[in-house]
């Protein structure tokens, strides 16, 4: 697994710019970690490029609204066409791309040593 860093642009939060849910005190649901990816949609087609492993998923949104069945292997020309559109757009927009963190170690976690303290190993369910 790789840890990714993202460039984030944030506008200062002001009461007048807050959405209705925030003004009512409801806020937004927190969804946790997500897989870093790029997405392009063209008509009925949606392509997702997963940055962690470079894989591509292609969906026909008219036939598969729930995005359950990728068609990337069955339709390599359409997959490549949309991937090229995504690559070109990123270049034109000068979109910042996430980069792998070379210092990432999944066994290290927050601690008193600047986040470099080794976490204890979890025992497997079979060992309990």
Protein backbone atom coordinates (compact mmCIF):
# COMPACT_ATOMS: atom_id res chain seq x y z
CA UNK A 1 0.00 0.00 0.00
CA UNK A 2 1.18 3.52 -0.75
CA UNK A 3 0.49 6.74 1.08
CA UNK A 4 -0.36 9.64 -1.22
CA UNK A 5 -0.14 13.37 -0.71
CA UNK A 6 -2.51 15.82 -2.37
CA UNK A 7 -2.26 19.51 -3.04
CA UNK A 8 -5.37 21.06 -1.51
CA UNK A 9 -6.81 24.46 -2.26
CA UNK A 10 -8.97 25.84 0.50
CA UNK A 11 -11.04 28.99 0.54
CA UNK A 12 -11.41 30.71 3.89
CA UNK A 13 -14.64 29.55 5.54
CA UNK A 14 -17.08 32.35 6.14
CA UNK A 15 -20.59 32.16 7.47
CA UNK A 16 -22.06 33.59 4.25
CA UNK A 17 -20.31 30.92 2.15
CA UNK A 18 -21.39 27.97 4.31
CA UNK A 19 -23.96 25.61 2.82
CA UNK A 20 -27.44 25.29 4.26
CA UNK A 21 -26.56 22.01 6.04
CA UNK A 22 -23.60 23.65 7.78
CA UNK A 23 -25.66 26.70 8.81
CA UNK A 24 -28.22 24.33 10.32
CA UNK A 25 -25.47 22.57 12.25
CA UNK A 26 -25.82 19.28 10.36
CA UNK A 27 -22.45 19.45 8.63
CA UNK A 28 -21.34 16.78 6.15
CA UNK A 29 -20.85 13.06 6.55
CA UNK A 30 -17.22 12.01 6.79
CA UNK A 31 -16.48 9.15 4.43
CA UNK A 32 -12.93 8.32 5.54
CA UNK A 33 -10.06 7.39 3.26
CA UNK A 34 -10.66 7.04 -0.43
CA UNK A 35 -8.55 5.66 -3.23
CA UNK A 36 -6.81 8.48 -5.13
CA UNK A 37 -8.10 8.54 -8.69
CA UNK A 38 -8.76 10.68 -11.73
CA UNK A 39 -12.10 10.57 -13.55
CA UNK A 40 -13.37 11.68 -16.94
CA UNK A 41 -16.90 11.40 -18.29
CA UNK A 42 -17.86 11.66 -21.95
CA UNK A 43 -21.53 11.08 -22.69
CA UNK A 44 -22.49 7.60 -21.52
CA UNK A 45 -18.87 6.66 -20.71
CA UNK A 46 -16.96 7.13 -17.47
CA UNK A 47 -13.28 6.26 -17.03
CA UNK A 48 -11.54 6.06 -13.65
CA UNK A 49 -7.73 5.99 -13.41
CA UNK A 50 -6.56 4.65 -10.04
CA UNK A 51 -3.29 6.34 -9.10
CA UNK A 52 -2.08 3.74 -6.59
CA UNK A 53 -1.72 0.96 -9.16
CA UNK A 54 -2.33 2.66 -12.53
CA UNK A 55 -5.37 0.52 -13.32
CA UNK A 56 -8.25 1.84 -15.42
CA UNK A 57 -11.98 1.15 -15.11
CA UNK A 58 -14.45 1.99 -17.87
CA UNK A 59 -18.20 2.09 -17.30
CA UNK A 60 -21.17 2.49 -19.62
CA UNK A 61 -23.42 4.57 -17.38
CA UNK A 62 -26.51 3.96 -19.51
CA UNK A 63 -26.21 0.18 -19.13
CA UNK A 64 -24.51 0.06 -15.70
CA UNK A 65 -25.63 2.97 -13.52
CA UNK A 66 -24.15 1.38 -10.39
CA UNK A 67 -20.69 1.02 -12.00
CA UNK A 68 -20.52 -2.68 -11.16
CA UNK A 69 -18.87 -4.03 -14.34
CA UNK A 70 -15.78 -2.44 -15.82
CA UNK A 71 -15.46 -2.69 -19.59
CA UNK A 72 -11.80 -1.63 -19.79
CA UNK A 73 -10.58 -5.02 -21.05
CA UNK A 74 -13.51 -5.54 -23.44
CA UNK A 75 -13.25 -2.03 -24.96
CA UNK A 76 -9.52 -1.15 -24.99
CA UNK A 77 -9.91 1.51 -27.73
CA UNK A 78 -12.60 3.43 -25.79
CA UNK A 79 -10.55 3.05 -22.60
CA UNK A 80 -7.45 4.48 -24.28
CA UNK A 81 -9.46 7.31 -25.91
CA UNK A 82 -10.86 8.48 -22.57
CA UNK A 83 -7.56 7.99 -20.77
CA UNK A 84 -5.86 10.20 -23.35
CA UNK A 85 -8.58 12.86 -22.81
CA UNK A 86 -7.87 12.75 -19.08
CA UNK A 87 -4.11 13.03 -19.58
CA UNK A 88 -4.50 15.97 -21.99
CA UNK A 89 -6.90 17.77 -19.65
CA UNK A 90 -4.50 17.39 -16.72
CA UNK A 91 -1.73 18.92 -18.83
CA UNK A 92 -3.88 21.84 -20.02
CA UNK A 93 -5.20 22.50 -16.52
CA UNK A 94 -1.75 22.03 -14.97
CA UNK A 95 -3.53 19.82 -12.45
CA UNK A 96 -1.30 18.82 -9.53
CA UNK A 97 -0.85 15.07 -9.28
CA UNK A 98 -0.36 13.06 -6.11
CA UNK A 99 3.06 11.52 -5.65
CA UNK A 100 3.94 8.45 -3.60
CA UNK A 101 5.51 9.25 -0.26
CA UNK A 102 8.90 7.48 -0.34
CA UNK A 103 9.06 7.56 3.47
CA UNK A 104 5.70 5.83 3.98
CA UNK A 105 5.81 2.76 6.18
CA UNK A 106 2.43 1.20 7.04
CA UNK A 107 3.93 -0.16 10.27
CA UNK A 108 4.68 3.32 11.58
CA UNK A 109 2.07 5.51 13.16
CA UNK A 110 1.59 8.61 15.25
CA UNK A 111 3.66 8.73 18.38
CA UNK A 112 6.07 10.70 20.48
CA UNK A 113 8.89 10.36 17.94
CA UNK A 114 7.44 12.66 15.28
CA UNK A 115 5.09 10.01 13.95
CA UNK A 116 7.90 7.47 13.60
CA UNK A 117 6.96 5.11 16.42
CA UNK A 118 6.33 1.52 15.34
CA UNK A 119 2.78 0.35 16.03
CA UNK A 120 2.26 -2.95 17.82
CA UNK A 121 1.32 -5.85 15.56
CA UNK A 122 -2.29 -6.92 15.65
CA UNK A 123 -2.93 -10.54 16.42
CA UNK A 124 -4.79 -12.39 13.70
CA UNK A 125 -8.28 -13.70 14.38
CA UNK A 126 -6.98 -17.27 14.14
CA UNK A 127 -4.42 -16.63 16.92
CA UNK A 128 -7.10 -15.52 19.40
